[in-house]
C-alpha atoms as a PDB file:
ATOM      1  CA  MET A   1     107.494  85.011 137.143  1.00  0.00           C
ATOM      2  CA  ASN A   2     106.939  88.689 137.812  1.00  0.00           C
ATOM      3  CA  ALA A   3     108.219  90.646 134.832  1.00  0.00           C
ATOM      4  CA  LYS A   4     108.375  93.850 136.823  1.00  0.00           C
ATOM      5  CA  ARG A   5     111.400  95.049 138.742  1.00  0.00           C
ATOM      6  CA  LYS A   6     111.374  97.439 141.666  1.00  0.00           C
ATOM      7  CA  ARG A   7     110.005 100.730 140.413  1.00  0.00           C
ATOM      8  CA  PRO A   8     112.720 103.348 139.975  1.00  0.00           C
ATOM      9  CA  ASP A   9     112.711 106.584 141.927  1.00  0.00           C
ATOM     10  CA  THR A  10     110.391 109.356 140.819  1.00  0.00           C
ATOM     11  CA  VAL A  11     111.436 110.862 137.518  1.00  0.00           C
ATOM     12  CA  SER A  12     113.858 113.651 138.277  1.00  0.00           C
ATOM     13  CA  ASP A  13     113.192 117.333 137.662  1.00  0.00           C
ATOM     14  CA  SER A  14     115.816 117.236 134.899  1.00  0.00           C
ATOM     15  CA  VAL A  15     113.367 115.337 132.681  1.00  0.00           C
ATOM     16  CA  THR A  16     111.577 117.627 130.276  1.00  0.00           C
ATOM     17  CA  GLU A  17     107.828 117.607 129.741  1.00  0.00           C
ATOM     18  CA  GLN A  18     108.283 115.945 126.344  1.00  0.00           C
ATOM     19  CA  GLU A  19     110.510 113.253 127.858  1.00  0.00           C
ATOM     20  CA  ARG A  20     107.902 112.614 130.559  1.00  0.00           C
ATOM     21  CA  ILE A  21     105.213 112.105 127.902  1.00  0.00           C
ATOM     22  CA  VAL A  22     107.399 109.667 125.955  1.00  0.00           C
ATOM     23  CA  HIS A  23     108.370 107.791 129.128  1.00  0.00           C
ATOM     24  CA  GLU A  24     104.752 107.402 130.249  1.00  0.00           C
ATOM     25  CA  VAL A  25     103.716 105.955 126.890  1.00  0.00           C
ATOM     26  CA  ILE A  26     106.596 103.462 126.961  1.00  0.00           C
ATOM     27  CA  ARG A  27     105.914 102.554 130.595  1.00  0.00           C
ATOM     28  CA  SER A  28     102.219 101.946 129.866  1.00  0.00           C
ATOM     29  CA  LYS A  29     103.203  99.054 127.556  1.00  0.00           C
ATOM     30  CA  GLN A  30     104.825  97.255 130.524  1.00  0.00           C
ATOM     31  CA  ASP A  31     106.670  94.023 129.539  1.00  0.00           C
ATOM     32  CA  MET A  32     105.619  94.257 125.883  1.00  0.00           C
ATOM     33  CA  GLY A  33     107.376  97.550 125.204  1.00  0.00           C
ATOM     34  CA  ILE A  34     106.774  99.616 122.097  1.00  0.00           C
ATOM     35  CA  SER A  35     108.611 100.356 118.869  1.00  0.00           C
ATOM     36  CA  GLN A  36     109.740 103.848 117.969  1.00  0.00           C
ATOM     37  CA  GLN A  37     107.493 103.700 114.924  1.00  0.00           C
ATOM     38  CA  ASP A  38     104.418 102.917 117.046  1.00  0.00           C
ATOM     39  CA  MET A  39     105.330 105.737 119.423  1.00  0.00           C
ATOM     40  CA  LYS A  40     105.029 108.206 116.575  1.00  0.00           C
ATOM     41  CA  ARG A  41     101.411 107.135 116.089  1.00  0.00           C
ATOM     42  CA  GLU A  42     100.560 107.534 119.784  1.00  0.00           C
ATOM     43  CA  ILE A  43     102.411 110.730 120.654  1.00  0.00           C
ATOM     44  CA  ASN A  44     101.636 114.095 119.157  1.00  0.00           C
ATOM     45  CA  LEU A  45     105.273 115.095 118.846  1.00  0.00           C
ATOM     46  CA  HIS A  46     107.603 115.471 115.882  1.00  0.00           C
ATOM     47  CA  SER A  47     109.549 112.282 115.119  1.00  0.00           C
ATOM     48  CA  ASN A  48     112.895 114.054 115.615  1.00  0.00           C
ATOM     49  CA  LEU A  49     111.820 115.220 119.063  1.00  0.00           C
ATOM     50  CA  ILE A  50     110.659 111.716 119.992  1.00  0.00           C
ATOM     51  CA  ALA A  51     114.037 110.329 118.915  1.00  0.00           C
ATOM     52  CA  LYS A  52     115.819 112.982 121.010  1.00  0.00           C
ATOM     53  CA  CYS A  53     113.656 112.143 124.064  1.00  0.00           C
ATOM     54  CA  ILE A  54     114.360 108.416 123.665  1.00  0.00           C
ATOM     55  CA  LYS A  55     118.114 109.021 123.523  1.00  0.00           C
ATOM     56  CA  SER A  56     117.928 111.142 126.675  1.00  0.00           C
ATOM     57  CA  LEU A  57     115.736 108.650 128.564  1.00  0.00           C
ATOM     58  CA  VAL A  58     118.111 105.802 127.700  1.00  0.00           C
ATOM     59  CA  SER A  59     121.089 107.810 128.965  1.00  0.00           C
ATOM     60  CA  LYS A  60     119.192 108.432 132.236  1.00  0.00           C
ATOM     61  CA  ASN A  61     118.450 104.686 132.572  1.00  0.00           C
ATOM     62  CA  LEU A  62     114.694 105.281 132.562  1.00  0.00           C
ATOM     63  CA  ILE A  63     114.105 103.175 129.449  1.00  0.00           C
ATOM     64  CA  LYS A  64     116.073 100.514 127.582  1.00  0.00           C
ATOM     65  CA  GLU A  65     116.230  99.076 124.102  1.00  0.00           C
ATOM     66  CA  VAL A  66     115.172  95.413 123.871  1.00  0.00           C
ATOM     67  CA  LYS A  67     115.217  92.798 121.134  1.00  0.00           C
ATOM     68  CA  ASN A  68     111.905  91.949 119.494  1.00  0.00           C
ATOM     69  CA  ILE A  69     112.034  88.758 117.418  1.00  0.00           C
ATOM     70  CA  HIS A  70     108.996  89.881 115.403  1.00  0.00           C
ATOM     71  CA  SER A  71     110.468  93.202 114.267  1.00  0.00           C
ATOM     72  CA  ARG A  72     114.191  92.986 113.739  1.00  0.00           C
ATOM     73  CA  ARG A  73     114.314  96.173 111.673  1.00  0.00           C
ATOM     74  CA  GLN A  74     112.579  98.367 114.265  1.00  0.00           C
ATOM     75  CA  LYS A  75     114.020  99.605 117.542  1.00  0.00           C
ATOM     76  CA  HIS A  76     111.933  98.499 120.507  1.00  0.00           C
ATOM     77  CA  TYR A  77     111.889 100.201 123.898  1.00  0.00           C
ATOM     78  CA  MET A  78     110.695  99.333 127.390  1.00  0.00           C
ATOM     79  CA  SER A  79     110.597 101.085 130.744  1.00  0.00           C
ATOM     80  CA  ALA A  80     113.675 100.103 132.790  1.00  0.00           C
ATOM     81  CA  GLU A  81     111.645  98.458 135.559  1.00  0.00           C
ATOM     82  CA  PHE A  82     110.242  95.714 133.303  1.00  0.00           C
ATOM     83  CA  GLU A  83     111.733  92.559 131.831  1.00  0.00           C
ATOM     84  CA  PRO A  84     110.604  91.717 128.285  1.00  0.00           C
ATOM     85  CA  SER A  85     107.923  89.047 127.907  1.00  0.00           C
ATOM     86  CA  ASN A  86     108.598  85.720 126.180  1.00  0.00           C
ATOM     87  CA  GLU A  87     106.288  86.851 123.393  1.00  0.00           C
ATOM     88  CA  ILE A  88     108.823  89.396 122.175  1.00  0.00           C
ATOM     89  CA  THR A  89     112.066  87.660 123.206  1.00  0.00           C
ATOM     90  CA  GLY A  90     111.135  84.177 121.968  1.00  0.00           C
ATOM     91  CA  GLY A  91     111.584  82.708 125.448  1.00  0.00           C
ATOM     92  CA  ALA A  92     114.124  80.001 126.225  1.00  0.00           C
ATOM     93  CA  TRP A  93     115.021  79.401 122.560  1.00  0.00           C
ATOM     94  CA  TYR A  94     116.510  82.858 122.000  1.00  0.00           C
ATOM     95  CA  VAL A  95     119.606  84.648 123.300  1.00  0.00           C
ATOM     96  CA  GLU A  96     119.816  88.381 122.627  1.00  0.00           C
ATOM     97  CA  GLY A  97     117.207  88.038 119.893  1.00  0.00           C
ATOM     98  CA  SER A  98     118.994  85.196 118.077  1.00  0.00           C
ATOM     99  CA  LEU A  99     117.801  81.619 117.901  1.00  0.00           C
ATOM    100  CA  ASP A 100     119.969  79.386 120.132  1.00  0.00           C
ATOM    101  CA  LYS A 101     120.357  76.552 117.631  1.00  0.00           C
ATOM    102  CA  GLU A 102     123.027  74.706 119.620  1.00  0.00           C
ATOM    103  CA  TYR A 103     120.837  74.518 122.734  1.00  0.00           C
ATOM    104  CA  ILE A 104     117.819  73.431 120.671  1.00  0.00           C
ATOM    105  CA  ASN A 105     119.837  70.689 118.937  1.00  0.00           C
ATOM    106  CA  VAL A 106     121.026  69.327 122.298  1.00  0.00           C
ATOM    107  CA  LEU A 107     117.432  69.156 123.544  1.00  0.00           C
ATOM    108  CA  LYS A 108     116.233  67.560 120.308  1.00  0.00           C
ATOM    109  CA  GLU A 109     118.877  64.859 120.640  1.00  0.00           C
ATOM    110  CA  GLN A 110     117.930  64.202 124.262  1.00  0.00           C
ATOM    111  CA  CYS A 111     114.201  64.056 123.494  1.00  0.00           C
ATOM    112  CA  TRP A 112     114.844  61.634 120.621  1.00  0.00           C
ATOM    113  CA  ARG A 113     116.904  59.386 122.901  1.00  0.00           C
ATOM    114  CA  LYS A 114     114.188  59.396 125.570  1.00  0.00           C
ATOM    115  CA  ILE A 115     111.511  58.485 123.037  1.00  0.00           C
ATOM    116  CA  TYR A 116     113.716  55.753 121.556  1.00  0.00           C
ATOM    117  CA  GLY A 117     114.412  54.320 125.005  1.00  0.00           C
ATOM    118  CA  LEU A 118     110.751  54.343 126.001  1.00  0.00           C
ATOM    119  CA  LYS A 119     109.646  52.839 122.640  1.00  0.00           C
ATOM    120  CA  VAL A 120     106.326  54.689 122.935  1.00  0.00           C
ATOM    121  CA  ALA A 121     106.241  57.901 124.947  1.00  0.00           C
ATOM    122  CA  THR A 122     103.596  60.370 126.018  1.00  0.00           C
ATOM    123  CA  LEU A 123     104.502  64.041 126.259  1.00  0.00           C
ATOM    124  CA  GLU A 124     104.291  63.775 130.047  1.00  0.00           C
ATOM    125  CA  GLY A 125     106.707  60.838 129.997  1.00  0.00           C
ATOM    126  CA  ILE A 126     109.189  62.786 127.885  1.00  0.00           C
ATOM    127  CA  VAL A 127     108.930  65.827 130.168  1.00  0.00           C
ATOM    128  CA  ASP A 128     109.594  63.651 133.230  1.00  0.00           C
ATOM    129  CA  ALA A 129     112.579  61.919 131.576  1.00  0.00           C
ATOM    130  CA  ILE A 130     114.113  65.260 130.532  1.00  0.00           C
ATOM    131  CA  LYS A 131     113.704  66.683 134.041  1.00  0.00           C
ATOM    132  CA  ARG A 132     115.394  63.649 135.609  1.00  0.00           C
ATOM    133  CA  SER A 133     118.276  63.815 133.134  1.00  0.00           C
ATOM    134  CA  ASN A 134     119.220  67.384 134.186  1.00  0.00           C
ATOM    135  CA  VAL A 135     120.234  68.077 130.579  1.00  0.00           C
ATOM    136  CA  SER A 136     118.979  71.667 130.865  1.00  0.00           C
ATOM    137  CA  GLN A 137     120.215  74.154 133.448  1.00  0.00           C
ATOM    138  CA  ILE A 138     116.765  75.724 133.506  1.00  0.00           C
ATOM    139  CA  GLU A 139     113.556  73.816 134.150  1.00  0.00           C
ATOM    140  CA  LEU A 140     111.700  73.340 130.893  1.00  0.00           C
ATOM    141  CA  SER A 141     107.939  73.663 130.837  1.00  0.00           C
ATOM    142  CA  LYS A 142     105.654  71.083 129.256  1.00  0.00           C
ATOM    143  CA  GLN A 143     104.990  73.510 126.405  1.00  0.00           C
ATOM    144  CA  GLN A 144     108.704  73.972 125.717  1.00  0.00           C
ATOM    145  CA  VAL A 145     109.326  70.207 125.591  1.00  0.00           C
ATOM    146  CA  GLU A 146     106.324  69.865 123.273  1.00  0.00           C
ATOM    147  CA  GLU A 147     107.868  72.461 120.936  1.00  0.00           C
ATOM    148  CA  ILE A 148     111.069  70.398 120.770  1.00  0.00           C
ATOM    149  CA  VAL A 149     109.122  67.190 120.093  1.00  0.00           C
ATOM    150  CA  LYS A 150     107.083  68.931 117.370  1.00  0.00           C
ATOM    151  CA  ALA A 151     110.367  70.009 115.780  1.00  0.00           C
ATOM    152  CA  LEU A 152     111.411  66.331 115.702  1.00  0.00           C
ATOM    153  CA  VAL A 153     108.102  65.550 113.994  1.00  0.00           C
ATOM    154  CA  LEU A 154     108.886  68.217 111.382  1.00  0.00           C
ATOM    155  CA  ASP A 155     112.310  66.614 110.894  1.00  0.00           C
ATOM    156  CA  ASN A 156     110.599  63.231 110.320  1.00  0.00           C
ATOM    157  CA  GLU A 157     112.676  61.772 113.158  1.00  0.00           C
ATOM    158  CA  VAL A 158     109.626  61.176 115.352  1.00  0.00           C
ATOM    159  CA  MET A 159     105.987  60.513 114.514  1.00  0.00           C
ATOM    160  CA  GLU A 160     102.915  61.345 116.524  1.00  0.00           C
ATOM    161  CA  VAL A 161     100.482  58.447 116.938  1.00  0.00           C
ATOM    162  CA  ARG A 162      97.307  57.726 118.886  1.00  0.00           C
ATOM    163  CA  SER A 163      97.188  54.994 121.492  1.00  0.00           C
ATOM    164  CA  THR A 164      95.034  51.964 120.721  1.00  0.00           C
ATOM    165  CA  GLY A 165      95.168  50.834 124.337  1.00  0.00           C
ATOM    166  CA  MET A 166      96.597  47.465 123.234  1.00  0.00           C
ATOM    167  CA  GLY A 167     100.060  45.920 122.941  1.00  0.00           C
ATOM    168  CA  GLU A 168     102.768  48.549 123.313  1.00  0.00           C
ATOM    169  CA  PHE A 169     100.036  51.097 124.048  1.00  0.00           C
ATOM    170  CA  ALA A 170      98.554  49.064 126.940  1.00  0.00           C
ATOM    171  CA  SER A 171      99.648  51.568 129.612  1.00  0.00           C
ATOM    172  CA  ILE A 172      98.442  54.598 127.646  1.00  0.00           C
ATOM    173  CA  PRO A 173      94.736  55.643 127.530  1.00  0.00           C
ATOM    174  CA  VAL A 174      92.989  54.986 124.225  1.00  0.00           C
ATOM    175  CA  GLY A 175      93.199  57.948 121.869  1.00  0.00           C
ATOM    176  CA  LYS A 176      95.945  59.766 123.778  1.00  0.00           C
ATOM    177  CA  ALA A 177      98.657  61.324 121.644  1.00  0.00           C
ATOM    178  CA  CYS A 178     102.083  59.741 122.019  1.00  0.00           C
ATOM    179  CA  TYR A 179     105.360  59.618 120.134  1.00  0.00           C
ATOM    180  CA  LYS A 180     107.556  56.982 118.498  1.00  0.00           C
ATOM    181  CA  CYS A 181     110.834  57.145 116.640  1.00  0.00           C
ATOM    182  CA  ALA A 182     110.436  57.004 112.870  1.00  0.00           C
ATOM    183  CA  GLY A 183     112.609  55.145 110.360  1.00  0.00           C
ATOM    184  CA  LYS A 184     113.520  51.536 109.695  1.00  0.00           C
ATOM    185  CA  ARG A 185     113.837  50.766 113.376  1.00  0.00           C
ATOM    186  CA  GLY A 186     110.417  52.231 114.147  1.00  0.00           C
ATOM    187  CA  TYR A 187     107.845  50.201 115.999  1.00  0.00           C
ATOM    188  CA  GLY A 188     104.833  50.484 113.718  1.00  0.00           C
ATOM    189  CA  GLY A 189     101.691  52.411 114.543  1.00  0.00           C
ATOM    190  CA  GLU A 190      99.639  54.686 112.396  1.00  0.00           C
ATOM    191  CA  PRO A 191     100.768  58.315 112.277  1.00  0.00           C
ATOM    192  CA  LYS A 192      98.129  60.961 112.872  1.00  0.00           C
ATOM    193  CA  LEU A 193      97.191  62.603 109.596  1.00  0.00           C
ATOM    194  CA  GLY A 194      95.257  65.788 109.007  1.00  0.00           C
ATOM    195  CA  ALA A 195      94.453  68.299 106.281  1.00  0.00           C
ATOM    196  CA  LEU A 196      97.713  70.153 106.906  1.00  0.00           C
ATOM    197  CA  ALA A 197      99.853  67.133 107.739  1.00  0.00           C
ATOM    198  CA  SER A 198     102.003  67.503 104.621  1.00  0.00           C
ATOM    199  CA  VAL A 199     102.575  71.223 105.143  1.00  0.00           C
ATOM    200  CA  PRO A 200     105.114  72.027 107.898  1.00  0.00           C
ATOM    201  CA  CYS A 201     103.106  75.084 108.992  1.00  0.00           C
ATOM    202  CA  GLY A 202     100.282  72.778 110.106  1.00  0.00           C
ATOM    203  CA  VAL A 203     102.294  71.280 112.966  1.00  0.00           C
ATOM    204  CA  CYS A 204     104.822  74.060 113.587  1.00  0.00           C
ATOM    205  CA  PRO A 205     104.868  75.065 117.290  1.00  0.00           C
ATOM    206  CA  GLN A 206     106.126  78.551 116.325  1.00  0.00           C
ATOM    207  CA  ILE A 207     103.351  79.366 113.829  1.00  0.00           C
ATOM    208  CA  SER A 208     101.896  82.092 116.074  1.00  0.00           C
ATOM    209  CA  ARG A 209     105.269  83.875 116.034  1.00  0.00           C
ATOM    210  CA  CYS A 210     105.845  83.551 112.289  1.00  0.00           C
ATOM    211  CA  THR A 211     105.825  86.894 110.467  1.00  0.00           C
ATOM    212  CA  PRO A 212     107.160  87.949 107.046  1.00  0.00           C
ATOM    213  CA  ASP A 213     109.881  90.218 108.512  1.00  0.00           C
ATOM    214  CA  GLY A 214     110.530  88.369 111.775  1.00  0.00           C
ATOM    215  CA  ILE A 215     113.299  85.964 112.784  1.00  0.00           C
ATOM    216  CA  ILE A 216     110.699  83.205 112.425  1.00  0.00           C
ATOM    217  CA  SER A 217     109.539  83.723 108.847  1.00  0.00           C
ATOM    218  CA  PRO A 218     108.414  81.657 105.840  1.00  0.00           C
ATOM    219  CA  ILE A 219     111.233  83.345 103.939  1.00  0.00           C
ATOM    220  CA  THR A 220     113.944  81.876 106.210  1.00  0.00           C
ATOM    221  CA  CYS A 221     112.159  78.668 107.326  1.00  0.00           C
ATOM    222  CA  GLU A 222     114.246  75.611 106.415  1.00  0.00           C
ATOM    223  CA  TYR A 223     111.256  73.269 106.784  1.00  0.00           C
ATOM    224  CA  TYR A 224     109.118  75.340 104.398  1.00  0.00           C
ATOM    225  CA  LYS A 225     111.919  75.497 101.816  1.00  0.00           C
ATOM    226  CA  LYS A 226     112.345  71.709 101.976  1.00  0.00           C
ATOM    227  CA  TRP A 227     108.602  71.238 101.524  1.00  0.00           C
ATOM    228  CA  LEU A 228     108.540  73.516  98.469  1.00  0.00           C
ATOM    229  CA  GLU A 229     111.441  71.562  96.950  1.00  0.00           C
ATOM    230  CA  PHE A 230     109.863  68.180  97.657  1.00  0.00           C
END
């Protein structure tokens, strides 16, 4: 998807030289945008003047404020012709910078049901089943479905196993990762273990987005709190 909109008309003569400088710096960051704090480090202007330029540029619809899930306390700006990247918005799991827990829970339930129905499921099989079910109004990527499945693993509702190529794994290549429902009605199989298997961070699909002051943070992580209390 192209994150860039049609480029706006040439900046009008009413824009001051300082506003032009600020706008060019913001525009150079494209779909990643830039925080007001970072602007101060890149522009040789007084912070009050930068703030005044930002306010004016917003009023002229040349820039816009966007939500950045990694820096909730800082204002983040982007040139009006760009749409923010998934890296700063959180992608499909966020709405206006807030985690869409209801949507995620619906997808988790559907993924669990697909895995339970298939007995043993590969990621590709789960993706195909979800697409055919039309549970989501938008088409989910393989990576997004994997994030949901990994969340089920963190919840101990599903376990990741490796195919042996025999019995229930007969149709799955030897060694390929696949998933089974956990619990008393599970179907056996040896879960994949690793050095970080007991620590939720080791299998968390959002680890690259986890920051101390972000929406995804060890301070607010329910899985990490449960692990510490275990």
